[in-house]
């Protein structure tokens, strides 16, 4: 599947009906979630809900205040620290 087709499936509102929303508790590996608080493409609330649903995983949630979608490129140095810590702890 091409990246374009995968993204099309990702934003398809019918994908929410596939049951995956209720399955994060099945994940049992460490998970790092990062989000800019002003991200309009992926609202912060969605990251928070996912983090709450990861009940059987060592999940970390990092929210970046006043930043949007491209925070990881705009603040790569700040974002690299939690990534390195996450990878070192796994």
PDB file of N, CA and C in Angstrom:
ATOM      1  N   UNK A   1       0.851  -1.171   0.000  1.00  0.00           N
ATOM      2  CA  UNK A   1       0.000   0.000   0.000  1.00  0.00           C
ATOM      3  C   UNK A   1       0.898   1.236   0.000  1.00  0.00           C
ATOM      4  N   UNK A   2       0.595   2.186  -0.833  1.00  0.00           N
ATOM      5  CA  UNK A   2       1.385   3.405  -0.891  1.00  0.00           C
ATOM      6  C   UNK A   2       1.112   4.268   0.337  1.00  0.00           C
ATOM      7  N   UNK A   3       2.031   5.176   0.607  1.00  0.00           N
ATOM      8  CA  UNK A   3       1.845   6.095   1.739  1.00  0.00           C
ATOM      9  C   UNK A   3       0.598   6.945   1.532  1.00  0.00           C
ATOM     10  N   UNK A   4       0.346   7.332   0.300  1.00  0.00           N
ATOM     11  CA  UNK A   4      -0.839   8.142   0.003  1.00  0.00           C
ATOM     12  C   UNK A   4      -2.119   7.368   0.311  1.00  0.00           C
ATOM     13  N   UNK A   5      -2.172   6.108  -0.095  1.00  0.00           N
ATOM     14  CA  UNK A   5      -3.353   5.281   0.175  1.00  0.00           C
ATOM     15  C   UNK A   5      -3.511   5.035   1.672  1.00  0.00           C
ATOM     16  N   UNK A   6      -2.389   4.814   2.361  1.00  0.00           N
ATOM     17  CA  UNK A   6      -2.454   4.594   3.810  1.00  0.00           C
ATOM     18  C   UNK A   6      -2.988   5.830   4.514  1.00  0.00           C
ATOM     19  N   UNK A   7      -2.538   7.011   4.094  1.00  0.00           N
ATOM     20  CA  UNK A   7      -3.038   8.243   4.709  1.00  0.00           C
ATOM     21  C   UNK A   7      -4.517   8.427   4.408  1.00  0.00           C
ATOM     22  N   UNK A   8      -4.930   8.086   3.195  1.00  0.00           N
ATOM     23  CA  UNK A   8      -6.350   8.172   2.846  1.00  0.00           C
ATOM     24  C   UNK A   8      -7.197   7.294   3.750  1.00  0.00           C
ATOM     25  N   UNK A   9      -6.710   6.097   4.032  1.00  0.00           N
ATOM     26  CA  UNK A   9      -7.415   5.217   4.967  1.00  0.00           C
ATOM     27  C   UNK A   9      -7.412   5.789   6.373  1.00  0.00           C
ATOM     28  N   UNK A  10      -6.308   6.420   6.733  1.00  0.00           N
ATOM     29  CA  UNK A  10      -6.168   6.973   8.079  1.00  0.00           C
ATOM     30  C   UNK A  10      -7.189   8.070   8.356  1.00  0.00           C
ATOM     31  N   UNK A  11      -7.441   8.929   7.376  1.00  0.00           N
ATOM     32  CA  UNK A  11      -8.364  10.043   7.603  1.00  0.00           C
ATOM     33  C   UNK A  11      -9.805   9.708   7.244  1.00  0.00           C
ATOM     34  N   UNK A  12     -10.049   8.508   6.773  1.00  0.00           N
ATOM     35  CA  UNK A  12     -11.403   8.083   6.422  1.00  0.00           C
ATOM     36  C   UNK A  12     -12.245   7.952   7.693  1.00  0.00           C
ATOM     37  N   UNK A  13     -13.335   8.713   7.811  1.00  0.00           N
ATOM     38  CA  UNK A  13     -14.154   8.639   9.026  1.00  0.00           C
ATOM     39  C   UNK A  13     -14.742   7.257   9.275  1.00  0.00           C
ATOM     40  N   UNK A  14     -14.873   6.447   8.243  1.00  0.00           N
ATOM     41  CA  UNK A  14     -15.397   5.093   8.431  1.00  0.00           C
ATOM     42  C   UNK A  14     -14.405   4.176   9.146  1.00  0.00           C
ATOM     43  N   UNK A  15     -13.131   4.559   9.156  1.00  0.00           N
ATOM     44  CA  UNK A  15     -12.130   3.748   9.854  1.00  0.00           C
ATOM     45  C   UNK A  15     -12.419   3.694  11.353  1.00  0.00           C
ATOM     46  N   UNK A  16     -13.065   4.718  11.878  1.00  0.00           N
ATOM     47  CA  UNK A  16     -13.391   4.734  13.308  1.00  0.00           C
ATOM     48  C   UNK A  16     -14.347   3.607  13.672  1.00  0.00           C
ATOM     49  N   UNK A  17     -14.994   3.040  12.691  1.00  0.00           N
ATOM     50  CA  UNK A  17     -15.967   1.976  12.931  1.00  0.00           C
ATOM     51  C   UNK A  17     -15.348   0.581  12.856  1.00  0.00           C
ATOM     52  N   UNK A  18     -14.030   0.501  12.713  1.00  0.00           N
ATOM     53  CA  UNK A  18     -13.393  -0.816  12.570  1.00  0.00           C
ATOM     54  C   UNK A  18     -13.110  -1.500  13.902  1.00  0.00           C
ATOM     55  N   UNK A  19     -13.413  -0.852  15.007  1.00  0.00           N
ATOM     56  CA  UNK A  19     -13.226  -1.445  16.322  1.00  0.00           C
ATOM     57  C   UNK A  19     -11.891  -1.151  16.975  1.00  0.00           C
ATOM     58  N   UNK A  20     -10.971  -0.533  16.246  1.00  0.00           N
ATOM     59  CA  UNK A  20      -9.642  -0.293  16.804  1.00  0.00           C
ATOM     60  C   UNK A  20      -9.652   0.712  17.953  1.00  0.00           C
ATOM     61  N   UNK A  21     -10.634   1.588  17.993  1.00  0.00           N
ATOM     62  CA  UNK A  21     -10.718   2.590  19.066  1.00  0.00           C
ATOM     63  C   UNK A  21     -10.828   1.927  20.437  1.00  0.00           C
ATOM     64  N   UNK A  22     -11.414   0.761  20.489  1.00  0.00           N
ATOM     65  CA  UNK A  22     -11.612   0.060  21.756  1.00  0.00           C
ATOM     66  C   UNK A  22     -10.517  -0.965  22.060  1.00  0.00           C
ATOM     67  N   UNK A  23      -9.427  -0.974  21.293  1.00  0.00           N
ATOM     68  CA  UNK A  23      -8.419  -2.024  21.451  1.00  0.00           C
ATOM     69  C   UNK A  23      -7.057  -1.584  21.997  1.00  0.00           C
ATOM     70  N   UNK A  24      -6.802  -0.318  22.296  1.00  0.00           N
ATOM     71  CA  UNK A  24      -5.465   0.035  22.796  1.00  0.00           C
ATOM     72  C   UNK A  24      -5.037  -0.732  24.042  1.00  0.00           C
ATOM     73  N   UNK A  25      -5.975  -1.203  24.837  1.00  0.00           N
ATOM     74  CA  UNK A  25      -5.613  -1.989  26.026  1.00  0.00           C
ATOM     75  C   UNK A  25      -4.893  -3.288  25.652  1.00  0.00           C
ATOM     76  N   UNK A  26      -4.971  -3.695  24.394  1.00  0.00           N
ATOM     77  CA  UNK A  26      -4.285  -4.907  23.942  1.00  0.00           C
ATOM     78  C   UNK A  26      -2.791  -4.678  23.705  1.00  0.00           C
ATOM     79  N   UNK A  27      -2.394  -3.430  23.617  1.00  0.00           N
ATOM     80  CA  UNK A  27      -0.986  -3.097  23.379  1.00  0.00           C
ATOM     81  C   UNK A  27      -0.220  -3.277  24.684  1.00  0.00           C
ATOM     82  N   UNK A  28       0.892  -4.019  24.606  1.00  0.00           N
ATOM     83  CA  UNK A  28       1.659  -4.329  25.808  1.00  0.00           C
ATOM     84  C   UNK A  28       3.137  -3.961  25.669  1.00  0.00           C
ATOM     85  N   UNK A  29       3.426  -3.092  24.761  1.00  0.00           N
ATOM     86  CA  UNK A  29       4.796  -2.623  24.583  1.00  0.00           C
ATOM     87  C   UNK A  29       4.837  -1.134  24.929  1.00  0.00           C
ATOM     88  N   UNK A  30       6.014  -0.583  25.236  1.00  0.00           N
ATOM     89  CA  UNK A  30       6.110   0.845  25.544  1.00  0.00           C
ATOM     90  C   UNK A  30       5.643   1.695  24.364  1.00  0.00           C
ATOM     91  N   UNK A  31       4.973   2.794  24.691  1.00  0.00           N
ATOM     92  CA  UNK A  31       4.425   3.697  23.675  1.00  0.00           C
ATOM     93  C   UNK A  31       4.793   5.131  24.044  1.00  0.00           C
ATOM     94  N   UNK A  32       5.274   5.883  23.074  1.00  0.00           N
ATOM     95  CA  UNK A  32       5.560   7.303  23.249  1.00  0.00           C
ATOM     96  C   UNK A  32       4.569   8.083  22.401  1.00  0.00           C
ATOM     97  N   UNK A  33       3.816   8.968  23.035  1.00  0.00           N
ATOM     98  CA  UNK A  33       2.849   9.817  22.341  1.00  0.00           C
ATOM     99  C   UNK A  33       3.311  11.252  22.522  1.00  0.00           C
ATOM    100  N   UNK A  34       3.414  12.002  21.443  1.00  0.00           N
ATOM    101  CA  UNK A  34       3.809  13.405  21.509  1.00  0.00           C
ATOM    102  C   UNK A  34       2.866  14.213  20.637  1.00  0.00           C
ATOM    103  N   UNK A  35       2.534  15.403  21.104  1.00  0.00           N
ATOM    104  CA  UNK A  35       1.550  16.212  20.393  1.00  0.00           C
ATOM    105  C   UNK A  35       1.759  17.683  20.718  1.00  0.00           C
ATOM    106  N   UNK A  36       1.613  18.536  19.727  1.00  0.00           N
ATOM    107  CA  UNK A  36       1.584  19.970  19.969  1.00  0.00           C
ATOM    108  C   UNK A  36       0.188  20.367  20.414  1.00  0.00           C
ATOM    109  N   UNK A  37       0.093  21.237  21.399  1.00  0.00           N
ATOM    110  CA  UNK A  37      -1.222  21.583  21.953  1.00  0.00           C
ATOM    111  C   UNK A  37      -2.102  22.352  20.974  1.00  0.00           C
ATOM    112  N   UNK A  38      -1.503  22.934  19.947  1.00  0.00           N
ATOM    113  CA  UNK A  38      -2.282  23.667  18.938  1.00  0.00           C
ATOM    114  C   UNK A  38      -2.362  22.917  17.614  1.00  0.00           C
ATOM    115  N   UNK A  39      -2.185  21.634  17.645  1.00  0.00           N
ATOM    116  CA  UNK A  39      -2.229  20.806  16.438  1.00  0.00           C
ATOM    117  C   UNK A  39      -3.681  20.657  15.981  1.00  0.00           C
ATOM    118  N   UNK A  40      -3.990  21.189  14.803  1.00  0.00           N
ATOM    119  CA  UNK A  40      -5.361  21.085  14.290  1.00  0.00           C
ATOM    120  C   UNK A  40      -5.565  19.797  13.487  1.00  0.00           C
ATOM    121  N   UNK A  41      -4.478  19.203  12.993  1.00  0.00           N
ATOM    122  CA  UNK A  41      -4.603  17.952  12.238  1.00  0.00           C
ATOM    123  C   UNK A  41      -4.876  16.781  13.178  1.00  0.00           C
ATOM    124  N   UNK A  42      -4.199  16.762  14.316  1.00  0.00           N
ATOM    125  CA  UNK A  42      -4.353  15.703  15.316  1.00  0.00           C
ATOM    126  C   UNK A  42      -4.558  16.369  16.674  1.00  0.00           C
ATOM    127  N   UNK A  43      -5.796  16.643  17.031  1.00  0.00           N
ATOM    128  CA  UNK A  43      -6.080  17.380  18.266  1.00  0.00           C
ATOM    129  C   UNK A  43      -5.480  16.710  19.508  1.00  0.00           C
ATOM    130  N   UNK A  44      -5.025  17.540  20.422  1.00  0.00           N
ATOM    131  CA  UNK A  44      -4.413  17.075  21.661  1.00  0.00           C
ATOM    132  C   UNK A  44      -5.316  16.113  22.413  1.00  0.00           C
ATOM    133  N   UNK A  45      -6.593  16.371  22.391  1.00  0.00           N
ATOM    134  CA  UNK A  45      -7.543  15.515  23.098  1.00  0.00           C
ATOM    135  C   UNK A  45      -7.424  14.058  22.639  1.00  0.00           C
ATOM    136  N   UNK A  46      -7.201  13.855  21.356  1.00  0.00           N
ATOM    137  CA  UNK A  46      -7.063  12.490  20.833  1.00  0.00           C
ATOM    138  C   UNK A  46      -5.850  11.783  21.441  1.00  0.00           C
ATOM    139  N   UNK A  47      -4.752  12.517  21.587  1.00  0.00           N
ATOM    140  CA  UNK A  47      -3.558  11.927  22.197  1.00  0.00           C
ATOM    141  C   UNK A  47      -3.821  11.570  23.653  1.00  0.00           C
ATOM    142  N   UNK A  48      -4.524  12.441  24.350  1.00  0.00           N
ATOM    143  CA  UNK A  48      -4.851  12.191  25.754  1.00  0.00           C
ATOM    144  C   UNK A  48      -5.748  10.956  25.899  1.00  0.00           C
ATOM    145  N   UNK A  49      -6.745  10.844  25.039  1.00  0.00           N
ATOM    146  CA  UNK A  49      -7.646   9.684  25.087  1.00  0.00           C
ATOM    147  C   UNK A  49      -6.868   8.397  24.804  1.00  0.00           C
ATOM    148  N   UNK A  50      -6.005   8.425  23.791  1.00  0.00           N
ATOM    149  CA  UNK A  50      -5.190   7.245  23.491  1.00  0.00           C
ATOM    150  C   UNK A  50      -4.340   6.866  24.697  1.00  0.00           C
ATOM    151  N   UNK A  51      -3.688   7.841  25.304  1.00  0.00           N
ATOM    152  CA  UNK A  51      -2.836   7.598  26.467  1.00  0.00           C
ATOM    153  C   UNK A  51      -3.630   6.937  27.595  1.00  0.00           C
ATOM    154  N   UNK A  52      -4.846   7.422  27.821  1.00  0.00           N
ATOM    155  CA  UNK A  52      -5.696   6.843  28.861  1.00  0.00           C
ATOM    156  C   UNK A  52      -6.094   5.402  28.538  1.00  0.00           C
ATOM    157  N   UNK A  53      -6.259   5.098  27.266  1.00  0.00           N
ATOM    158  CA  UNK A  53      -6.707   3.766  26.859  1.00  0.00           C
ATOM    159  C   UNK A  53      -5.569   2.737  26.833  1.00  0.00           C
ATOM    160  N   UNK A  54      -4.342   3.178  26.925  1.00  0.00           N
ATOM    161  CA  UNK A  54      -3.188   2.274  26.914  1.00  0.00           C
ATOM    162  C   UNK A  54      -2.927   1.757  28.333  1.00  0.00           C
ATOM    163  N   UNK A  55      -3.877   1.046  28.874  1.00  0.00           N
ATOM    164  CA  UNK A  55      -3.832   0.622  30.274  1.00  0.00           C
ATOM    165  C   UNK A  55      -2.830  -0.496  30.549  1.00  0.00           C
ATOM    166  N   UNK A  56      -2.414  -1.236  29.543  1.00  0.00           N
ATOM    167  CA  UNK A  56      -1.476  -2.346  29.734  1.00  0.00           C
ATOM    168  C   UNK A  56      -0.104  -2.072  29.133  1.00  0.00           C
ATOM    169  N   UNK A  57       0.144  -0.825  28.780  1.00  0.00           N
ATOM    170  CA  UNK A  57       1.424  -0.446  28.188  1.00  0.00           C
ATOM    171  C   UNK A  57       2.078   0.627  29.052  1.00  0.00           C
ATOM    172  N   UNK A  58       3.392   0.649  29.043  1.00  0.00           N
ATOM    173  CA  UNK A  58       4.119   1.744  29.679  1.00  0.00           C
ATOM    174  C   UNK A  58       4.074   2.915  28.704  1.00  0.00           C
ATOM    175  N   UNK A  59       3.039   3.720  28.818  1.00  0.00           N
ATOM    176  CA  UNK A  59       2.803   4.802  27.853  1.00  0.00           C
ATOM    177  C   UNK A  59       3.222   6.145  28.434  1.00  0.00           C
ATOM    178  N   UNK A  60       3.880   6.925  27.607  1.00  0.00           N
ATOM    179  CA  UNK A  60       4.282   8.280  27.975  1.00  0.00           C
ATOM    180  C   UNK A  60       3.562   9.257  27.063  1.00  0.00           C
ATOM    181  N   UNK A  61       3.091  10.338  27.645  1.00  0.00           N
ATOM    182  CA  UNK A  61       2.438  11.397  26.879  1.00  0.00           C
ATOM    183  C   UNK A  61       3.226  12.676  27.074  1.00  0.00           C
ATOM    184  N   UNK A  62       3.677  13.263  25.975  1.00  0.00           N
ATOM    185  CA  UNK A  62       4.404  14.528  26.005  1.00  0.00           C
ATOM    186  C   UNK A  62       3.613  15.540  25.181  1.00  0.00           C
ATOM    187  N   UNK A  63       3.144  16.582  25.845  1.00  0.00           N
ATOM    188  CA  UNK A  63       2.405  17.649  25.173  1.00  0.00           C
ATOM    189  C   UNK A  63       3.282  18.890  25.128  1.00  0.00           C
ATOM    190  N   UNK A  64       3.302  19.540  23.976  1.00  0.00           N
ATOM    191  CA  UNK A  64       4.131  20.716  23.770  1.00  0.00           C
ATOM    192  C   UNK A  64       3.229  21.934  23.621  1.00  0.00           C
ATOM    193  N   UNK A  65       3.262  22.778  24.658  1.00  0.00           N
ATOM    194  CA  UNK A  65       2.367  23.935  24.741  1.00  0.00           C
ATOM    195  C   UNK A  65       2.604  24.910  23.594  1.00  0.00           C
ATOM    196  N   UNK A  66       1.514  25.423  23.068  1.00  0.00           N
ATOM    197  CA  UNK A  66       1.510  26.475  22.041  1.00  0.00           C
ATOM    198  C   UNK A  66       2.185  26.071  20.737  1.00  0.00           C
ATOM    199  N   UNK A  67       2.328  24.783  20.498  1.00  0.00           N
ATOM    200  CA  UNK A  67       2.929  24.323  19.249  1.00  0.00           C
ATOM    201  C   UNK A  67       1.906  23.542  18.449  1.00  0.00           C
ATOM    202  N   UNK A  68       2.111  23.529  17.136  1.00  0.00           N
ATOM    203  CA  UNK A  68       1.164  22.867  16.257  1.00  0.00           C
ATOM    204  C   UNK A  68       1.685  21.557  15.710  1.00  0.00           C
ATOM    205  N   UNK A  69       1.266  21.257  14.511  1.00  0.00           N
ATOM    206  CA  UNK A  69       1.505  19.969  13.870  1.00  0.00           C
ATOM    207  C   UNK A  69       2.988  19.657  13.685  1.00  0.00           C
ATOM    208  N   UNK A  70       3.776  20.626  13.304  1.00  0.00           N
ATOM    209  CA  UNK A  70       5.172  20.373  12.941  1.00  0.00           C
ATOM    210  C   UNK A  70       6.140  20.639  14.089  1.00  0.00           C
ATOM    211  N   UNK A  71       5.683  20.522  15.334  1.00  0.00           N
ATOM    212  CA  UNK A  71       6.538  20.825  16.481  1.00  0.00           C
ATOM    213  C   UNK A  71       7.826  20.013  16.476  1.00  0.00           C
ATOM    214  N   UNK A  72       7.769  18.773  16.013  1.00  0.00           N
ATOM    215  CA  UNK A  72       8.951  17.925  16.048  1.00  0.00           C
ATOM    216  C   UNK A  72      10.032  18.408  15.097  1.00  0.00           C
ATOM    217  N   UNK A  73       9.670  19.164  14.081  1.00  0.00           N
ATOM    218  CA  UNK A  73      10.669  19.743  13.184  1.00  0.00           C
ATOM    219  C   UNK A  73      11.112  21.112  13.686  1.00  0.00           C
ATOM    220  N   UNK A  74      10.176  21.892  14.214  1.00  0.00           N
ATOM    221  CA  UNK A  74      10.485  23.236  14.701  1.00  0.00           C
ATOM    222  C   UNK A  74      11.337  23.196  15.968  1.00  0.00           C
ATOM    223  N   UNK A  75      11.144  22.177  16.794  1.00  0.00           N
ATOM    224  CA  UNK A  75      11.846  22.066  18.066  1.00  0.00           C
ATOM    225  C   UNK A  75      12.499  20.687  18.186  1.00  0.00           C
ATOM    226  N   UNK A  76      13.254  20.353  17.178  1.00  0.00           N
ATOM    227  CA  UNK A  76      13.860  19.016  17.111  1.00  0.00           C
ATOM    228  C   UNK A  76      14.761  18.734  18.306  1.00  0.00           C
ATOM    229  N   UNK A  77      15.525  19.714  18.751  1.00  0.00           N
ATOM    230  CA  UNK A  77      16.437  19.490  19.878  1.00  0.00           C
ATOM    231  C   UNK A  77      15.662  19.153  21.150  1.00  0.00           C
ATOM    232  N   UNK A  78      14.583  19.895  21.407  1.00  0.00           N
ATOM    233  CA  UNK A  78      13.779  19.630  22.602  1.00  0.00           C
ATOM    234  C   UNK A  78      13.051  18.294  22.492  1.00  0.00           C
ATOM    235  N   UNK A  79      12.600  17.954  21.302  1.00  0.00           N
ATOM    236  CA  UNK A  79      11.851  16.715  21.100  1.00  0.00           C
ATOM    237  C   UNK A  79      12.762  15.491  21.125  1.00  0.00           C
ATOM    238  N   UNK A  80      14.023  15.667  20.772  1.00  0.00           N
ATOM    239  CA  UNK A  80      14.930  14.518  20.721  1.00  0.00           C
ATOM    240  C   UNK A  80      15.219  13.951  22.108  1.00  0.00           C
ATOM    241  N   UNK A  81      15.186  14.784  23.146  1.00  0.00           N
ATOM    242  CA  UNK A  81      15.480  14.285  24.493  1.00  0.00           C
ATOM    243  C   UNK A  81      14.481  13.213  24.931  1.00  0.00           C
ATOM    244  N   UNK A  82      13.142  13.479  24.892  1.00  0.00           N
ATOM    245  CA  UNK A  82      12.218  12.418  25.301  1.00  0.00           C
ATOM    246  C   UNK A  82      12.292  11.176  24.404  1.00  0.00           C
ATOM    247  N   UNK A  83      12.627  11.370  23.136  1.00  0.00           N
ATOM    248  CA  UNK A  83      12.768  10.208  22.251  1.00  0.00           C
ATOM    249  C   UNK A  83      13.949   9.348  22.703  1.00  0.00           C
ATOM    250  N   UNK A  84      15.086   9.982  22.951  1.00  0.00           N
ATOM    251  CA  UNK A  84      16.268   9.228  23.389  1.00  0.00           C
ATOM    252  C   UNK A  84      16.018   8.544  24.729  1.00  0.00           C
ATOM    253  N   UNK A  85      15.373   9.246  25.666  1.00  0.00           N
ATOM    254  CA  UNK A  85      15.066   8.646  26.969  1.00  0.00           C
ATOM    255  C   UNK A  85      14.119   7.459  26.811  1.00  0.00           C
ATOM    256  N   UNK A  86      13.142   7.607  25.926  1.00  0.00           N
ATOM    257  CA  UNK A  86      12.190   6.524  25.677  1.00  0.00           C
ATOM    258  C   UNK A  86      12.905   5.306  25.099  1.00  0.00           C
ATOM    259  N   UNK A  87      13.745   5.531  24.104  1.00  0.00           N
ATOM    260  CA  UNK A  87      14.459   4.419  23.467  1.00  0.00           C
ATOM    261  C   UNK A  87      15.455   3.770  24.426  1.00  0.00           C
ATOM    262  N   UNK A  88      16.093   4.575  25.258  1.00  0.00           N
ATOM    263  CA  UNK A  88      17.041   4.022  26.228  1.00  0.00           C
ATOM    264  C   UNK A  88      16.352   3.186  27.296  1.00  0.00           C
ATOM    265  N   UNK A  89      15.094   3.500  27.582  1.00  0.00           N
ATOM    266  CA  UNK A  89      14.381   2.786  28.642  1.00  0.00           C
ATOM    267  C   UNK A  89      13.726   1.495  28.152  1.00  0.00           C
ATOM    268  N   UNK A  90      13.654   1.329  26.840  1.00  0.00           N
ATOM    269  CA  UNK A  90      12.961   0.150  26.290  1.00  0.00           C
ATOM    270  C   UNK A  90      13.845  -1.076  26.283  1.00  0.00           C
TER     271      UNK A  90
END
